Amino acid sequence: MKGQEVIKCPQCGGNKVKSSGVAKALLWFAVISAITIIGIPLAIVFVLAWAFVRFAQKDNLRMVCMECKHMFKVNKSTYDQYNKAIKENESHFAQ
């Protein structure tokens, strides 16, 4: 098997893609900023930005092609199929 075939890059056609993780990075910046008293206002800004990104990505998730670095959106059901294909592929190689 040559990897997952659910999500392919619309620019180059490659199947090596991953989730962009922008929302997760914003949340980590907020947690790290909240450690100091001076960083609390910055943490509030990061939390608001994280909430906005999560709301905007409710149905569409951003993916990044690992070959050409193109960023594109996929819907939630396609992303769920992608996760299922990845887990099946990992369990196939574990045996």
N, C-alpha and C. Protein backbone atom coordinates (compact mmCIF):
# COMPACT_ATOMS: atom_id res chain seq x y z
N MET A 1 0.85 -1.18 0.00
CA MET A 1 0.00 0.00 0.00
C MET A 1 0.89 1.24 0.00
N LYS A 2 0.53 2.27 -0.75
CA LYS A 2 1.34 3.46 -0.89
C LYS A 2 0.86 4.61 0.00
N GLY A 3 0.19 4.33 1.09
CA GLY A 3 -0.30 5.37 1.98
C GLY A 3 -1.78 5.63 1.77
N GLN A 4 -2.25 6.67 2.37
CA GLN A 4 -3.67 6.99 2.29
C GLN A 4 -4.01 7.54 0.91
N GLU A 5 -5.20 7.27 0.45
CA GLU A 5 -5.67 7.75 -0.85
C GLU A 5 -6.94 8.57 -0.71
N VAL A 6 -7.23 9.05 0.50
CA VAL A 6 -8.47 9.79 0.75
C VAL A 6 -8.31 11.26 0.39
N ILE A 7 -7.25 11.88 0.89
CA ILE A 7 -7.01 13.30 0.64
C ILE A 7 -5.76 13.44 -0.20
N LYS A 8 -5.91 14.12 -1.32
CA LYS A 8 -4.78 14.40 -2.21
C LYS A 8 -4.67 15.90 -2.40
N CYS A 9 -3.46 16.37 -2.57
CA CYS A 9 -3.22 17.80 -2.78
C CYS A 9 -3.81 18.23 -4.12
N PRO A 10 -4.61 19.30 -4.13
CA PRO A 10 -5.18 19.75 -5.40
C PRO A 10 -4.15 20.38 -6.33
N GLN A 11 -2.99 20.76 -5.80
CA GLN A 11 -1.98 21.41 -6.63
C GLN A 11 -1.04 20.41 -7.30
N CYS A 12 -0.48 19.48 -6.51
CA CYS A 12 0.49 18.54 -7.07
C CYS A 12 -0.02 17.10 -7.16
N GLY A 13 -1.14 16.79 -6.50
CA GLY A 13 -1.70 15.44 -6.53
C GLY A 13 -1.06 14.48 -5.56
N GLY A 14 -0.18 14.97 -4.68
CA GLY A 14 0.48 14.11 -3.71
C GLY A 14 -0.45 13.71 -2.59
N ASN A 15 -0.17 12.55 -1.98
CA ASN A 15 -1.02 12.08 -0.89
C ASN A 15 -0.36 12.21 0.48
N LYS A 16 0.78 12.88 0.55
CA LYS A 16 1.46 13.12 1.83
C LYS A 16 0.98 14.46 2.38
N VAL A 17 -0.07 14.42 3.18
CA VAL A 17 -0.67 15.63 3.74
C VAL A 17 -0.76 15.48 5.26
N LYS A 18 -0.88 16.63 5.94
CA LYS A 18 -1.12 16.61 7.38
C LYS A 18 -1.95 17.82 7.76
N SER A 19 -2.53 17.74 8.93
CA SER A 19 -3.35 18.85 9.45
C SER A 19 -2.43 20.02 9.76
N SER A 20 -2.91 21.25 9.52
CA SER A 20 -2.04 22.42 9.68
C SER A 20 -1.73 22.74 11.13
N GLY A 21 -2.66 22.52 12.05
CA GLY A 21 -2.38 22.74 13.46
C GLY A 21 -2.27 24.20 13.89
N VAL A 22 -2.86 25.12 13.15
CA VAL A 22 -2.78 26.54 13.49
C VAL A 22 -3.49 26.80 14.82
N ALA A 23 -4.65 26.22 15.02
CA ALA A 23 -5.41 26.44 16.24
C ALA A 23 -4.66 25.90 17.45
N LYS A 24 -4.04 24.74 17.31
CA LYS A 24 -3.30 24.15 18.41
C LYS A 24 -2.10 25.03 18.80
N ALA A 25 -1.43 25.60 17.80
CA ALA A 25 -0.29 26.48 18.08
C ALA A 25 -0.74 27.74 18.82
N LEU A 26 -1.88 28.31 18.43
CA LEU A 26 -2.39 29.50 19.12
C LEU A 26 -2.72 29.20 20.58
N LEU A 27 -3.28 28.04 20.83
CA LEU A 27 -3.60 27.66 22.20
C LEU A 27 -2.34 27.48 23.03
N TRP A 28 -1.31 26.87 22.47
CA TRP A 28 -0.05 26.71 23.19
C TRP A 28 0.59 28.07 23.48
N PHE A 29 0.55 28.99 22.52
CA PHE A 29 1.08 30.34 22.76
C PHE A 29 0.33 31.01 23.90
N ALA A 30 -0.97 30.81 23.97
CA ALA A 30 -1.77 31.39 25.04
C ALA A 30 -1.37 30.81 26.40
N VAL A 31 -1.17 29.51 26.48
CA VAL A 31 -0.79 28.88 27.74
C VAL A 31 0.59 29.36 28.18
N ILE A 32 1.52 29.40 27.26
CA ILE A 32 2.87 29.84 27.61
C ILE A 32 2.88 31.31 28.01
N SER A 33 2.10 32.14 27.34
CA SER A 33 2.04 33.57 27.67
C SER A 33 1.40 33.82 29.02
N ALA A 34 0.47 32.96 29.42
CA ALA A 34 -0.24 33.16 30.68
C ALA A 34 0.61 32.84 31.90
N ILE A 35 1.78 32.29 31.72
CA ILE A 35 2.64 31.95 32.85
C ILE A 35 3.11 33.20 33.58
N THR A 36 3.39 34.27 32.88
CA THR A 36 3.85 35.51 33.52
C THR A 36 2.71 36.51 33.59
N ILE A 37 2.79 37.40 34.54
CA ILE A 37 1.75 38.43 34.69
C ILE A 37 1.75 39.37 33.49
N ILE A 38 2.91 39.68 32.98
CA ILE A 38 3.01 40.58 31.83
C ILE A 38 2.40 39.93 30.58
N GLY A 39 2.46 38.61 30.48
CA GLY A 39 1.97 37.93 29.30
C GLY A 39 0.48 37.64 29.30
N ILE A 40 -0.23 37.93 30.39
CA ILE A 40 -1.66 37.63 30.47
C ILE A 40 -2.48 38.36 29.40
N PRO A 41 -2.24 39.66 29.15
CA PRO A 41 -3.00 40.30 28.05
C PRO A 41 -2.72 39.64 26.69
N LEU A 42 -1.48 39.23 26.49
CA LEU A 42 -1.14 38.54 25.25
C LEU A 42 -1.83 37.18 25.18
N ALA A 43 -1.93 36.51 26.31
CA ALA A 43 -2.63 35.22 26.37
C ALA A 43 -4.10 35.38 26.02
N ILE A 44 -4.70 36.47 26.48
CA ILE A 44 -6.11 36.73 26.16
C ILE A 44 -6.28 36.92 24.65
N VAL A 45 -5.35 37.63 24.02
CA VAL A 45 -5.41 37.83 22.57
C VAL A 45 -5.28 36.48 21.85
N PHE A 46 -4.35 35.63 22.30
CA PHE A 46 -4.17 34.33 21.68
C PHE A 46 -5.40 33.44 21.86
N VAL A 47 -6.04 33.49 23.01
CA VAL A 47 -7.25 32.70 23.24
C VAL A 47 -8.38 33.17 22.33
N LEU A 48 -8.52 34.48 22.18
CA LEU A 48 -9.55 35.00 21.27
C LEU A 48 -9.27 34.60 19.82
N ALA A 49 -7.99 34.66 19.42
CA ALA A 49 -7.62 34.24 18.07
C ALA A 49 -7.89 32.74 17.89
N TRP A 50 -7.58 31.93 18.92
CA TRP A 50 -7.84 30.50 18.87
C TRP A 50 -9.33 30.23 18.71
N ALA A 51 -10.16 30.95 19.48
CA ALA A 51 -11.62 30.75 19.40
C ALA A 51 -12.13 31.13 18.01
N PHE A 52 -11.60 32.21 17.44
CA PHE A 52 -12.01 32.62 16.11
C PHE A 52 -11.64 31.57 15.07
N VAL A 53 -10.41 31.05 15.15
CA VAL A 53 -9.96 30.04 14.19
C VAL A 53 -10.80 28.77 14.32
N ARG A 54 -11.08 28.35 15.55
CA ARG A 54 -11.89 27.15 15.77
C ARG A 54 -13.30 27.33 15.21
N PHE A 55 -13.88 28.53 15.41
CA PHE A 55 -15.20 28.80 14.88
C PHE A 55 -15.19 28.83 13.35
N ALA A 56 -14.15 29.41 12.77
CA ALA A 56 -14.05 29.50 11.32
C ALA A 56 -13.80 28.13 10.69
N GLN A 57 -13.15 27.22 11.43
CA GLN A 57 -12.84 25.90 10.91
C GLN A 57 -13.86 24.85 11.31
N LYS A 58 -15.04 25.26 11.69
CA LYS A 58 -16.03 24.33 12.22
C LYS A 58 -16.29 23.17 11.26
N ASP A 59 -16.49 23.44 9.99
CA ASP A 59 -16.79 22.39 9.03
C ASP A 59 -15.63 22.11 8.07
N ASN A 60 -14.74 23.06 7.90
CA ASN A 60 -13.61 22.89 6.98
C ASN A 60 -12.30 22.92 7.76
N LEU A 61 -11.48 21.93 7.54
CA LEU A 61 -10.19 21.84 8.21
C LEU A 61 -9.08 22.10 7.20
N ARG A 62 -8.03 22.76 7.65
CA ARG A 62 -6.90 23.06 6.77
C ARG A 62 -5.90 21.92 6.79
N MET A 63 -5.45 21.57 5.61
CA MET A 63 -4.44 20.54 5.43
C MET A 63 -3.26 21.16 4.69
N VAL A 64 -2.06 20.60 4.90
CA VAL A 64 -0.86 21.08 4.24
C VAL A 64 -0.22 19.90 3.52
N CYS A 65 0.10 20.10 2.25
CA CYS A 65 0.81 19.08 1.48
C CYS A 65 2.27 19.09 1.90
N MET A 66 2.82 17.94 2.22
CA MET A 66 4.20 17.85 2.66
C MET A 66 5.19 17.92 1.49
N GLU A 67 4.71 17.75 0.28
CA GLU A 67 5.59 17.78 -0.88
C GLU A 67 5.75 19.18 -1.45
N CYS A 68 4.63 19.90 -1.66
CA CYS A 68 4.71 21.23 -2.27
C CYS A 68 4.36 22.36 -1.30
N LYS A 69 4.02 22.03 -0.05
CA LYS A 69 3.68 22.99 1.01
C LYS A 69 2.43 23.81 0.70
N HIS A 70 1.57 23.31 -0.16
CA HIS A 70 0.30 23.98 -0.50
C HIS A 70 -0.70 23.75 0.64
N MET A 71 -1.40 24.80 1.06
CA MET A 71 -2.41 24.70 2.11
C MET A 71 -3.79 24.72 1.46
N PHE A 72 -4.64 23.78 1.85
CA PHE A 72 -5.98 23.70 1.29
C PHE A 72 -6.95 23.21 2.37
N LYS A 73 -8.24 23.33 2.08
CA LYS A 73 -9.28 22.96 3.04
C LYS A 73 -9.97 21.67 2.60
N VAL A 74 -10.37 20.88 3.61
CA VAL A 74 -11.19 19.69 3.37
C VAL A 74 -12.33 19.72 4.36
N ASN A 75 -13.44 19.07 4.00
CA ASN A 75 -14.57 19.07 4.92
C ASN A 75 -14.37 18.02 6.01
N LYS A 76 -15.16 18.10 7.04
CA LYS A 76 -15.00 17.26 8.23
C LYS A 76 -15.17 15.78 7.92
N SER A 77 -16.13 15.43 7.08
CA SER A 77 -16.35 14.00 6.78
C SER A 77 -15.16 13.41 6.02
N THR A 78 -14.56 14.17 5.12
CA THR A 78 -13.38 13.70 4.41
C THR A 78 -12.21 13.52 5.37
N TYR A 79 -12.07 14.46 6.32
CA TYR A 79 -11.01 14.37 7.32
C TYR A 79 -11.21 13.14 8.20
N ASP A 80 -12.44 12.82 8.55
CA ASP A 80 -12.71 11.62 9.35
C ASP A 80 -12.34 10.35 8.57
N GLN A 81 -12.63 10.32 7.28
CA GLN A 81 -12.24 9.19 6.44
C GLN A 81 -10.71 9.08 6.37
N TYR A 82 -10.04 10.23 6.30
CA TYR A 82 -8.57 10.27 6.27
C TYR A 82 -7.99 9.67 7.55
N ASN A 83 -8.54 10.07 8.71
CA ASN A 83 -8.07 9.51 9.99
C ASN A 83 -8.28 8.00 10.05
N LYS A 84 -9.43 7.54 9.55
CA LYS A 84 -9.72 6.11 9.54
C LYS A 84 -8.72 5.36 8.66
N ALA A 85 -8.41 5.92 7.49
CA ALA A 85 -7.46 5.28 6.57
C ALA A 85 -6.06 5.24 7.18
N ILE A 86 -5.67 6.30 7.89
CA ILE A 86 -4.35 6.33 8.53
C ILE A 86 -4.27 5.27 9.62
N LYS A 87 -5.32 5.15 10.44
CA LYS A 87 -5.33 4.16 11.52
C LYS A 87 -5.30 2.74 10.96
N GLU A 88 -6.04 2.49 9.89
CA GLU A 88 -6.03 1.17 9.26
C GLU A 88 -4.65 0.86 8.69
N ASN A 89 -4.01 1.87 8.11
CA ASN A 89 -2.69 1.70 7.53
C ASN A 89 -1.67 1.40 8.63
N GLU A 90 -1.76 2.08 9.76
CA GLU A 90 -0.84 1.84 10.88
C GLU A 90 -1.04 0.44 11.46
N SER A 91 -2.29 0.01 11.60
CA SER A 91 -2.53 -1.32 12.14
C SER A 91 -2.09 -2.41 11.16
N HIS A 92 -2.15 -2.11 9.87
CA HIS A 92 -1.69 -3.07 8.85
C HIS A 92 -0.18 -3.28 8.96
N PHE A 93 0.59 -2.19 9.19
CA PHE A 93 2.04 -2.31 9.30
C PHE A 93 2.47 -2.86 10.65
N ALA A 94 1.64 -2.74 11.68
CA ALA A 94 1.97 -3.26 13.01
C ALA A 94 1.94 -4.78 13.05
N GLN A 95 1.21 -5.39 12.14
CA GLN A 95 1.09 -6.85 12.15
C GLN A 95 2.23 -7.52 11.45
